[in-house]
């Protein structure tokens, strides 16, 4: 859900250092013998731009698979400094789902199925809890070539792809949110949908929109739309302007128009009845002295 700059890491040098480290007695022999084939797989990954349908894993021994996964699990902080540096520049926006708090590390190609890239920097991205929730899901039907999109190589999410449709049956006390695709004819729509269904939605996007953000708006409108902190009544046109202003701010701040707050704001703009309600609710909030009904 967020395009990231490709890490500038010397993966071959790191692999060589592991293979030549005689203190790593359970890892070293397997890496040393297979170092060249692993490096070749690194080159293959780059040639295929991380596309899961085009990357062909080698048949490797259980010992080598174990050694590679253990190398990742026993890594030193310095070896992943590039992830920390990346987190410092992405405004705590998850590169895989567009949510918040990317404090874990995700293997785009899961290490259990693609161990050759378990320690490969171009296969590691900062992510949030979506890392756990997607599990090892990676590819859809061969008929559509749908797959998880890669934050380093794919740029589909640099443009706005997602919005939401907001409906209600009880005068907006509770709402229903449906995720909608803005570019249904996009050449990569199958992969966009696969990524959204298997990563973004599993991470709780719809719950965040319909409960967290909507509850904020109902309890104190300015918590959901920053311009509504102003203690004055507004017209619908005023509110639309504030939502558009907030939308641009979240797009710019997070570096992606597909962050969760922007999806919510864009959905508000595409739901005229909702904007009317928000305007009325805000004005009532002001007239009540900051108290909700």
C-alpha atoms as a PDB file:
ATOM      1  CA  UNK A   1       0.000   0.000   0.000  1.00  0.00           C
ATOM      2  CA  UNK A   2       3.044   2.250  -0.044  1.00  0.00           C
ATOM      3  CA  UNK A   3       5.917   2.352  -2.527  1.00  0.00           C
ATOM      4  CA  UNK A   4       9.300   2.231  -0.800  1.00  0.00           C
ATOM      5  CA  UNK A   5      12.794   3.037  -2.053  1.00  0.00           C
ATOM      6  CA  UNK A   6      14.893  -0.023  -2.771  1.00  0.00           C
ATOM      7  CA  UNK A   7      17.294  -0.740   0.117  1.00  0.00           C
ATOM      8  CA  UNK A   8      20.943  -0.032  -0.637  1.00  0.00           C
ATOM      9  CA  UNK A   9      22.362  -3.138   1.007  1.00  0.00           C
ATOM     10  CA  UNK A  10      25.234  -5.370  -0.058  1.00  0.00           C
ATOM     11  CA  UNK A  11      23.452  -8.692   0.399  1.00  0.00           C
ATOM     12  CA  UNK A  12      26.206 -10.746  -1.184  1.00  0.00           C
ATOM     13  CA  UNK A  13      28.789  -9.376   1.236  1.00  0.00           C
ATOM     14  CA  UNK A  14      26.509 -10.109   4.179  1.00  0.00           C
ATOM     15  CA  UNK A  15      25.958 -13.663   2.973  1.00  0.00           C
ATOM     16  CA  UNK A  16      29.714 -14.136   2.557  1.00  0.00           C
ATOM     17  CA  UNK A  17      30.322 -12.863   6.092  1.00  0.00           C
ATOM     18  CA  UNK A  18      27.831 -15.374   7.485  1.00  0.00           C
ATOM     19  CA  UNK A  19      29.311 -18.208   5.468  1.00  0.00           C
ATOM     20  CA  UNK A  20      32.823 -17.434   6.700  1.00  0.00           C
ATOM     21  CA  UNK A  21      31.886 -16.928  10.362  1.00  0.00           C
ATOM     22  CA  UNK A  22      33.199 -20.058  12.059  1.00  0.00           C
ATOM     23  CA  UNK A  23      31.381 -19.193  15.286  1.00  0.00           C
ATOM     24  CA  UNK A  24      28.111 -20.004  13.538  1.00  0.00           C
ATOM     25  CA  UNK A  25      28.744 -23.727  13.609  1.00  0.00           C
ATOM     26  CA  UNK A  26      25.155 -24.745  12.864  1.00  0.00           C
ATOM     27  CA  UNK A  27      24.809 -22.307   9.961  1.00  0.00           C
ATOM     28  CA  UNK A  28      28.237 -21.785   8.440  1.00  0.00           C
ATOM     29  CA  UNK A  29      28.841 -25.090   6.589  1.00  0.00           C
ATOM     30  CA  UNK A  30      25.512 -25.018   4.742  1.00  0.00           C
ATOM     31  CA  UNK A  31      25.837 -21.381   3.717  1.00  0.00           C
ATOM     32  CA  UNK A  32      29.449 -21.732   2.636  1.00  0.00           C
ATOM     33  CA  UNK A  33      28.750 -24.659   0.323  1.00  0.00           C
ATOM     34  CA  UNK A  34      25.684 -23.014  -1.209  1.00  0.00           C
ATOM     35  CA  UNK A  35      26.712 -19.353  -1.178  1.00  0.00           C
ATOM     36  CA  UNK A  36      27.081 -19.046  -4.946  1.00  0.00           C
ATOM     37  CA  UNK A  37      23.679 -20.583  -5.696  1.00  0.00           C
ATOM     38  CA  UNK A  38      22.027 -18.283  -3.131  1.00  0.00           C
ATOM     39  CA  UNK A  39      23.702 -15.248  -4.694  1.00  0.00           C
ATOM     40  CA  UNK A  40      22.416 -16.392  -8.076  1.00  0.00           C
ATOM     41  CA  UNK A  41      18.922 -16.507  -6.592  1.00  0.00           C
ATOM     42  CA  UNK A  42      19.381 -12.937  -5.338  1.00  0.00           C
ATOM     43  CA  UNK A  43      20.130 -11.877  -8.906  1.00  0.00           C
ATOM     44  CA  UNK A  44      17.122 -13.838 -10.158  1.00  0.00           C
ATOM     45  CA  UNK A  45      14.856 -12.045  -7.659  1.00  0.00           C
ATOM     46  CA  UNK A  46      16.070  -8.671  -8.902  1.00  0.00           C
ATOM     47  CA  UNK A  47      15.700  -9.633 -12.560  1.00  0.00           C
ATOM     48  CA  UNK A  48      12.077 -10.608 -11.928  1.00  0.00           C
ATOM     49  CA  UNK A  49      11.416  -7.464  -9.870  1.00  0.00           C
ATOM     50  CA  UNK A  50      10.089  -9.486  -6.962  1.00  0.00           C
ATOM     51  CA  UNK A  51       7.179 -10.861  -9.023  1.00  0.00           C
ATOM     52  CA  UNK A  52       6.065 -14.021  -7.233  1.00  0.00           C
ATOM     53  CA  UNK A  53       4.751 -15.607 -10.441  1.00  0.00           C
ATOM     54  CA  UNK A  54       8.100 -15.276 -12.203  1.00  0.00           C
ATOM     55  CA  UNK A  55      10.463 -16.151  -9.361  1.00  0.00           C
ATOM     56  CA  UNK A  56      11.475 -19.798  -9.427  1.00  0.00           C
ATOM     57  CA  UNK A  57      12.858 -21.201  -6.161  1.00  0.00           C
ATOM     58  CA  UNK A  58      15.529 -23.874  -6.204  1.00  0.00           C
ATOM     59  CA  UNK A  59      15.063 -27.230  -4.566  1.00  0.00           C
ATOM     60  CA  UNK A  60      17.193 -26.930  -1.452  1.00  0.00           C
ATOM     61  CA  UNK A  61      17.994 -29.244   1.427  1.00  0.00           C
ATOM     62  CA  UNK A  62      16.211 -29.039   4.745  1.00  0.00           C
ATOM     63  CA  UNK A  63      19.575 -28.216   6.326  1.00  0.00           C
ATOM     64  CA  UNK A  64      20.120 -25.196   4.076  1.00  0.00           C
ATOM     65  CA  UNK A  65      16.537 -24.020   4.605  1.00  0.00           C
ATOM     66  CA  UNK A  66      17.022 -24.261   8.358  1.00  0.00           C
ATOM     67  CA  UNK A  67      20.364 -22.435   8.160  1.00  0.00           C
ATOM     68  CA  UNK A  68      18.873 -19.534   6.170  1.00  0.00           C
ATOM     69  CA  UNK A  69      15.859 -19.135   8.429  1.00  0.00           C
ATOM     70  CA  UNK A  70      18.056 -19.352  11.512  1.00  0.00           C
ATOM     71  CA  UNK A  71      20.328 -16.690   9.999  1.00  0.00           C
ATOM     72  CA  UNK A  72      17.321 -14.387   9.861  1.00  0.00           C
ATOM     73  CA  UNK A  73      16.091 -15.237  13.338  1.00  0.00           C
ATOM     74  CA  UNK A  74      19.525 -14.659  14.919  1.00  0.00           C
ATOM     75  CA  UNK A  75      20.331 -11.511  12.945  1.00  0.00           C
ATOM     76  CA  UNK A  76      21.960  -8.538  14.619  1.00  0.00           C
ATOM     77  CA  UNK A  77      20.284  -5.135  14.814  1.00  0.00           C
ATOM     78  CA  UNK A  78      23.021  -3.580  12.657  1.00  0.00           C
ATOM     79  CA  UNK A  79      22.111  -5.945   9.849  1.00  0.00           C
ATOM     80  CA  UNK A  80      18.582  -4.511   9.766  1.00  0.00           C
ATOM     81  CA  UNK A  81      19.462  -0.884  10.295  1.00  0.00           C
ATOM     82  CA  UNK A  82      18.069  -0.127   6.847  1.00  0.00           C
ATOM     83  CA  UNK A  83      14.604  -1.173   8.078  1.00  0.00           C
ATOM     84  CA  UNK A  84      14.874   1.157  11.074  1.00  0.00           C
ATOM     85  CA  UNK A  85      15.994   4.009   8.813  1.00  0.00           C
ATOM     86  CA  UNK A  86      13.074   3.305   6.501  1.00  0.00           C
ATOM     87  CA  UNK A  87      10.606   3.382   9.391  1.00  0.00           C
ATOM     88  CA  UNK A  88      11.931   6.798  10.370  1.00  0.00           C
ATOM     89  CA  UNK A  89      10.981   8.192   6.957  1.00  0.00           C
ATOM     90  CA  UNK A  90       7.571   6.601   6.250  1.00  0.00           C
ATOM     91  CA  UNK A  91       5.523   8.311   8.954  1.00  0.00           C
ATOM     92  CA  UNK A  92       4.552   5.036  10.632  1.00  0.00           C
ATOM     93  CA  UNK A  93       2.517   3.930   7.618  1.00  0.00           C
ATOM     94  CA  UNK A  94       2.612   0.228   6.821  1.00  0.00           C
ATOM     95  CA  UNK A  95       4.005  -0.468   3.371  1.00  0.00           C
ATOM     96  CA  UNK A  96       1.922  -3.621   2.983  1.00  0.00           C
ATOM     97  CA  UNK A  97      -1.557  -2.556   4.138  1.00  0.00           C
ATOM     98  CA  UNK A  98      -1.538   1.235   4.537  1.00  0.00           C
ATOM     99  CA  UNK A  99      -2.357   0.989   8.236  1.00  0.00           C
ATOM    100  CA  UNK A 100      -0.333   2.251  11.158  1.00  0.00           C
ATOM    101  CA  UNK A 101       2.631   1.174  13.267  1.00  0.00           C
ATOM    102  CA  UNK A 102       4.922  -0.828  10.923  1.00  0.00           C
ATOM    103  CA  UNK A 103       7.020  -2.155  13.780  1.00  0.00           C
ATOM    104  CA  UNK A 104       7.497  -5.692  12.509  1.00  0.00           C
ATOM    105  CA  UNK A 105       9.272  -7.035   9.430  1.00  0.00           C
ATOM    106  CA  UNK A 106       7.470  -8.867   6.653  1.00  0.00           C
ATOM    107  CA  UNK A 107       8.973 -11.230   4.094  1.00  0.00           C
ATOM    108  CA  UNK A 108       7.173 -10.356   0.862  1.00  0.00           C
ATOM    109  CA  UNK A 109       7.932 -13.886  -0.313  1.00  0.00           C
ATOM    110  CA  UNK A 110       7.323 -15.832   2.934  1.00  0.00           C
ATOM    111  CA  UNK A 111      10.515 -17.329   4.297  1.00  0.00           C
ATOM    112  CA  UNK A 112       8.885 -20.688   5.035  1.00  0.00           C
ATOM    113  CA  UNK A 113       8.148 -21.204   1.330  1.00  0.00           C
ATOM    114  CA  UNK A 114      11.028 -19.152  -0.137  1.00  0.00           C
ATOM    115  CA  UNK A 115      13.926 -19.626   2.304  1.00  0.00           C
ATOM    116  CA  UNK A 116      16.559 -18.573  -0.243  1.00  0.00           C
ATOM    117  CA  UNK A 117      15.454 -14.988   0.332  1.00  0.00           C
ATOM    118  CA  UNK A 118      15.022 -15.197   4.119  1.00  0.00           C
ATOM    119  CA  UNK A 119      17.849 -12.695   4.721  1.00  0.00           C
ATOM    120  CA  UNK A 120      17.671 -10.859   1.389  1.00  0.00           C
ATOM    121  CA  UNK A 121      17.099  -7.159   2.071  1.00  0.00           C
ATOM    122  CA  UNK A 122      14.928  -6.678  -1.035  1.00  0.00           C
ATOM    123  CA  UNK A 123      12.494  -9.261   0.373  1.00  0.00           C
ATOM    124  CA  UNK A 124      12.189  -7.567   3.781  1.00  0.00           C
ATOM    125  CA  UNK A 125       9.826  -4.640   4.362  1.00  0.00           C
ATOM    126  CA  UNK A 126       8.588  -2.806   7.469  1.00  0.00           C
ATOM    127  CA  UNK A 127       5.023  -3.877   8.206  1.00  0.00           C
ATOM    128  CA  UNK A 128       2.396  -3.898  10.929  1.00  0.00           C
ATOM    129  CA  UNK A 129       0.341  -6.809  12.297  1.00  0.00           C
ATOM    130  CA  UNK A 130      -0.772  -7.555   8.729  1.00  0.00           C
ATOM    131  CA  UNK A 131       2.467  -9.541   8.604  1.00  0.00           C
ATOM    132  CA  UNK A 132       0.916 -12.159  10.870  1.00  0.00           C
ATOM    133  CA  UNK A 133      -2.614 -11.937   9.523  1.00  0.00           C
ATOM    134  CA  UNK A 134      -1.733 -12.667   5.907  1.00  0.00           C
ATOM    135  CA  UNK A 135       0.401 -15.655   6.870  1.00  0.00           C
ATOM    136  CA  UNK A 136       1.937 -17.175   3.743  1.00  0.00           C
ATOM    137  CA  UNK A 137      -0.683 -15.966   1.248  1.00  0.00           C
ATOM    138  CA  UNK A 138       1.112 -14.779  -1.868  1.00  0.00           C
ATOM    139  CA  UNK A 139      -0.557 -15.761  -5.140  1.00  0.00           C
ATOM    140  CA  UNK A 140      -4.084 -16.155  -6.434  1.00  0.00           C
ATOM    141  CA  UNK A 141      -5.347 -17.990  -9.490  1.00  0.00           C
ATOM    142  CA  UNK A 142      -2.869 -18.659 -12.312  1.00  0.00           C
ATOM    143  CA  UNK A 143      -5.661 -17.616 -14.680  1.00  0.00           C
ATOM    144  CA  UNK A 144      -5.432 -14.033 -13.442  1.00  0.00           C
ATOM    145  CA  UNK A 145      -1.803 -13.935 -12.218  1.00  0.00           C
ATOM    146  CA  UNK A 146      -3.091 -12.158  -9.114  1.00  0.00           C
ATOM    147  CA  UNK A 147      -0.465 -11.753  -6.404  1.00  0.00           C
ATOM    148  CA  UNK A 148       0.693  -9.710  -3.472  1.00  0.00           C
ATOM    149  CA  UNK A 149       2.158  -6.437  -4.717  1.00  0.00           C
ATOM    150  CA  UNK A 150       5.744  -5.594  -3.793  1.00  0.00           C
ATOM    151  CA  UNK A 151       6.488  -2.293  -2.001  1.00  0.00           C
ATOM    152  CA  UNK A 152       9.941  -2.015  -3.616  1.00  0.00           C
ATOM    153  CA  UNK A 153       9.035  -2.867  -7.201  1.00  0.00           C
ATOM    154  CA  UNK A 154       5.325  -2.271  -7.838  1.00  0.00           C
ATOM    155  CA  UNK A 155       3.927   1.240  -8.112  1.00  0.00           C
ATOM    156  CA  UNK A 156       0.168   0.592  -8.349  1.00  0.00           C
ATOM    157  CA  UNK A 157      -0.459   2.121  -4.926  1.00  0.00           C
ATOM    158  CA  UNK A 158       1.302   5.368  -5.757  1.00  0.00           C
ATOM    159  CA  UNK A 159      -2.003   6.483  -7.270  1.00  0.00           C
ATOM    160  CA  UNK A 160      -5.348   6.400  -5.479  1.00  0.00           C
ATOM    161  CA  UNK A 161      -6.846   2.946  -5.790  1.00  0.00           C
ATOM    162  CA  UNK A 162      -9.214   2.692  -2.839  1.00  0.00           C
ATOM    163  CA  UNK A 163     -12.168   4.573  -1.475  1.00  0.00           C
ATOM    164  CA  UNK A 164     -15.199   3.488   0.505  1.00  0.00           C
ATOM    165  CA  UNK A 165     -18.961   3.631   0.254  1.00  0.00           C
ATOM    166  CA  UNK A 166     -20.653   4.600   3.507  1.00  0.00           C
ATOM    167  CA  UNK A 167     -24.265   3.594   4.135  1.00  0.00           C
ATOM    168  CA  UNK A 168     -26.536   3.517   7.188  1.00  0.00           C
ATOM    169  CA  UNK A 169     -29.988   2.401   8.226  1.00  0.00           C
ATOM    170  CA  UNK A 170     -30.171   4.209  11.564  1.00  0.00           C
ATOM    171  CA  UNK A 171     -29.423   7.835  10.784  1.00  0.00           C
ATOM    172  CA  UNK A 172     -25.652   7.351  10.963  1.00  0.00           C
ATOM    173  CA  UNK A 173     -25.356   6.218  14.562  1.00  0.00           C
ATOM    174  CA  UNK A 174     -23.724   3.161  13.067  1.00  0.00           C
ATOM    175  CA  UNK A 175     -22.471   2.819   9.528  1.00  0.00           C
ATOM    176  CA  UNK A 176     -21.588   0.132   7.040  1.00  0.00           C
ATOM    177  CA  UNK A 177     -18.435   0.554   5.011  1.00  0.00           C
ATOM    178  CA  UNK A 178     -17.752  -1.102   1.666  1.00  0.00           C
ATOM    179  CA  UNK A 179     -14.309  -0.806   0.097  1.00  0.00           C
ATOM    180  CA  UNK A 180     -14.525   0.295  -3.531  1.00  0.00           C
ATOM    181  CA  UNK A 181     -11.914   0.301  -6.283  1.00  0.00           C
ATOM    182  CA  UNK A 182     -11.444   3.647  -7.993  1.00  0.00           C
ATOM    183  CA  UNK A 183      -9.727   2.234 -11.075  1.00  0.00           C
ATOM    184  CA  UNK A 184     -11.643  -0.991 -11.860  1.00  0.00           C
ATOM    185  CA  UNK A 185     -10.059  -1.195 -15.313  1.00  0.00           C
ATOM    186  CA  UNK A 186      -6.492  -0.818 -14.078  1.00  0.00           C
ATOM    187  CA  UNK A 187      -4.167  -3.311 -15.851  1.00  0.00           C
ATOM    188  CA  UNK A 188      -3.159  -4.752 -12.463  1.00  0.00           C
ATOM    189  CA  UNK A 189      -6.663  -4.784 -10.945  1.00  0.00           C
ATOM    190  CA  UNK A 190      -6.527  -8.531 -10.225  1.00  0.00           C
ATOM    191  CA  UNK A 191      -3.393  -8.120  -8.117  1.00  0.00           C
ATOM    192  CA  UNK A 192      -4.718  -4.946  -6.510  1.00  0.00           C
ATOM    193  CA  UNK A 193      -7.852  -6.807  -5.426  1.00  0.00           C
ATOM    194  CA  UNK A 194      -5.876  -9.839  -4.267  1.00  0.00           C
ATOM    195  CA  UNK A 195      -3.580  -7.624  -2.201  1.00  0.00           C
ATOM    196  CA  UNK A 196      -6.500  -5.740  -0.661  1.00  0.00           C
ATOM    197  CA  UNK A 197      -8.559  -8.842   0.132  1.00  0.00           C
ATOM    198  CA  UNK A 198      -5.699 -10.870   1.600  1.00  0.00           C
ATOM    199  CA  UNK A 199      -3.644  -8.212   3.353  1.00  0.00           C
ATOM    200  CA  UNK A 200      -5.468  -4.898   3.730  1.00  0.00           C
ATOM    201  CA  UNK A 201      -8.880  -6.188   4.775  1.00  0.00           C
ATOM    202  CA  UNK A 202      -7.409  -8.896   6.981  1.00  0.00           C
ATOM    203  CA  UNK A 203      -5.620  -6.135   8.863  1.00  0.00           C
ATOM    204  CA  UNK A 204      -8.910  -4.570   9.955  1.00  0.00           C
ATOM    205  CA  UNK A 205      -9.391  -1.693   7.507  1.00  0.00           C
ATOM    206  CA  UNK A 206     -13.187  -1.845   7.483  1.00  0.00           C
ATOM    207  CA  UNK A 207     -13.384  -2.008  11.273  1.00  0.00           C
ATOM    208  CA  UNK A 208     -11.041   0.971  11.562  1.00  0.00           C
ATOM    209  CA  UNK A 209     -13.180   3.035   9.177  1.00  0.00           C
ATOM    210  CA  UNK A 210     -16.612   2.076  10.493  1.00  0.00           C
ATOM    211  CA  UNK A 211     -15.784   1.993  14.196  1.00  0.00           C
ATOM    212  CA  UNK A 212     -12.628   3.878  15.102  1.00  0.00           C
ATOM    213  CA  UNK A 213     -12.867   6.834  12.723  1.00  0.00           C
ATOM    214  CA  UNK A 214     -16.642   7.040  12.690  1.00  0.00           C
ATOM    215  CA  UNK A 215     -16.763   6.907  16.498  1.00  0.00           C
ATOM    216  CA  UNK A 216     -14.275   9.771  16.620  1.00  0.00           C
ATOM    217  CA  UNK A 217     -16.417  11.775  14.230  1.00  0.00           C
ATOM    218  CA  UNK A 218     -19.565  11.099  16.235  1.00  0.00           C
ATOM    219  CA  UNK A 219     -17.986  11.896  19.611  1.00  0.00           C
ATOM    220  CA  UNK A 220     -15.925  14.896  18.545  1.00  0.00           C
ATOM    221  CA  UNK A 221     -15.929  15.725  14.819  1.00  0.00           C
ATOM    222  CA  UNK A 222     -12.538  17.432  14.924  1.00  0.00           C
ATOM    223  CA  UNK A 223     -10.857  14.154  15.862  1.00  0.00           C
ATOM    224  CA  UNK A 224     -11.800  12.710  12.463  1.00  0.00           C
ATOM    225  CA  UNK A 225     -11.617  15.864  10.337  1.00  0.00           C
ATOM    226  CA  UNK A 226      -9.066  18.258  11.748  1.00  0.00           C
ATOM    227  CA  UNK A 227     -10.658  21.449  10.429  1.00  0.00           C
ATOM    228  CA  UNK A 228     -13.798  20.747  12.419  1.00  0.00           C
ATOM    229  CA  UNK A 229     -12.025  21.812  15.591  1.00  0.00           C
ATOM    230  CA  UNK A 230     -13.237  25.303  14.721  1.00  0.00           C
ATOM    231  CA  UNK A 231     -16.054  26.291  17.045  1.00  0.00           C
ATOM    232  CA  UNK A 232     -18.377  27.758  14.440  1.00  0.00           C
ATOM    233  CA  UNK A 233     -21.221  26.477  12.325  1.00  0.00           C
ATOM    234  CA  UNK A 234     -20.389  25.588   8.736  1.00  0.00           C
ATOM    235  CA  UNK A 235     -22.050  25.064   5.384  1.00  0.00           C
ATOM    236  CA  UNK A 236     -21.803  21.835   3.401  1.00  0.00           C
ATOM    237  CA  UNK A 237     -19.371  23.591   1.052  1.00  0.00           C
ATOM    238  CA  UNK A 238     -17.188  24.534   4.045  1.00  0.00           C
ATOM    239  CA  UNK A 239     -17.116  20.943   5.253  1.00  0.00           C
ATOM    240  CA  UNK A 240     -16.274  19.596   1.791  1.00  0.00           C
ATOM    241  CA  UNK A 241     -13.375  22.039   1.604  1.00  0.00           C
ATOM    242  CA  UNK A 242     -12.077  20.907   5.018  1.00  0.00           C
ATOM    243  CA  UNK A 243     -12.337  17.242   4.063  1.00  0.00           C
ATOM    244  CA  UNK A 244     -10.464  17.880   0.794  1.00  0.00           C
ATOM    245  CA  UNK A 245      -7.818  19.797   2.723  1.00  0.00           C
ATOM    246  CA  UNK A 246      -7.430  16.974   5.241  1.00  0.00           C
ATOM    247  CA  UNK A 247      -7.292  14.411   2.428  1.00  0.00           C
ATOM    248  CA  UNK A 248      -4.361  16.217   0.783  1.00  0.00           C
ATOM    249  CA  UNK A 249      -2.626  16.449   4.157  1.00  0.00           C
ATOM    250  CA  UNK A 250      -2.860  12.695   4.831  1.00  0.00           C
ATOM    251  CA  UNK A 251      -1.823  11.861   1.260  1.00  0.00           C
ATOM    252  CA  UNK A 252       1.275  14.026   1.582  1.00  0.00           C
ATOM    253  CA  UNK A 253       2.142  13.120   5.136  1.00  0.00           C
ATOM    254  CA  UNK A 254       1.985   9.345   4.669  1.00  0.00           C
ATOM    255  CA  UNK A 255       3.374   9.312   1.139  1.00  0.00           C
ATOM    256  CA  UNK A 256       0.463   7.290  -0.213  1.00  0.00           C
ATOM    257  CA  UNK A 257      -3.142   8.155  -1.119  1.00  0.00           C
ATOM    258  CA  UNK A 258      -4.117   4.658   0.005  1.00  0.00           C
ATOM    259  CA  UNK A 259      -3.496   5.124   3.717  1.00  0.00           C
ATOM    260  CA  UNK A 260      -6.512   4.284   5.860  1.00  0.00           C
ATOM    261  CA  UNK A 261      -7.378   7.850   6.856  1.00  0.00           C
ATOM    262  CA  UNK A 262      -7.367   8.986   3.222  1.00  0.00           C
ATOM    263  CA  UNK A 263      -9.631   6.093   2.243  1.00  0.00           C
ATOM    264  CA  UNK A 264     -12.106   7.271   4.891  1.00  0.00           C
ATOM    265  CA  UNK A 265     -11.962  10.921   3.868  1.00  0.00           C
ATOM    266  CA  UNK A 266     -12.289  10.076   0.183  1.00  0.00           C
ATOM    267  CA  UNK A 267     -15.302   7.942   1.051  1.00  0.00           C
ATOM    268  CA  UNK A 268     -16.922  10.853   2.868  1.00  0.00           C
ATOM    269  CA  UNK A 269     -16.565  13.012  -0.235  1.00  0.00           C
ATOM    270  CA  UNK A 270     -18.189  10.331  -2.375  1.00  0.00           C
ATOM    271  CA  UNK A 271     -21.174   9.991  -0.058  1.00  0.00           C
ATOM    272  CA  UNK A 272     -23.223  13.239  -0.346  1.00  0.00           C
ATOM    273  CA  UNK A 273     -25.766  12.218   2.302  1.00  0.00           C
ATOM    274  CA  UNK A 274     -22.909  11.549   4.665  1.00  0.00           C
ATOM    275  CA  UNK A 275     -21.395  14.985   4.091  1.00  0.00           C
ATOM    276  CA  UNK A 276     -24.791  16.531   4.788  1.00  0.00           C
ATOM    277  CA  UNK A 277     -25.015  14.564   8.018  1.00  0.00           C
ATOM    278  CA  UNK A 278     -21.467  15.464   9.064  1.00  0.00           C
ATOM    279  CA  UNK A 279     -22.274  19.134   8.516  1.00  0.00           C
ATOM    280  CA  UNK A 280     -25.452  18.905  10.609  1.00  0.00           C
ATOM    281  CA  UNK A 281     -23.705  16.874  13.296  1.00  0.00           C
ATOM    282  CA  UNK A 282     -20.837  19.347  13.534  1.00  0.00           C
ATOM    283  CA  UNK A 283     -23.161  22.336  13.741  1.00  0.00           C
ATOM    284  CA  UNK A 284     -25.217  20.655  16.451  1.00  0.00           C
ATOM    285  CA  UNK A 285     -21.998  19.837  18.287  1.00  0.00           C
ATOM    286  CA  UNK A 286     -21.035  23.516  18.196  1.00  0.00           C
ATOM    287  CA  UNK A 287     -24.484  24.704  19.287  1.00  0.00           C
ATOM    288  CA  UNK A 288     -24.461  22.202  22.171  1.00  0.00           C
ATOM    289  CA  UNK A 289     -21.191  23.617  23.417  1.00  0.00           C
ATOM    290  CA  UNK A 290     -19.096  20.615  22.412  1.00  0.00           C
ATOM    291  CA  UNK A 291     -21.464  17.925  23.682  1.00  0.00           C
ATOM    292  CA  UNK A 292     -22.831  15.096  21.556  1.00  0.00           C
ATOM    293  CA  UNK A 293     -26.472  14.071  21.769  1.00  0.00           C
END
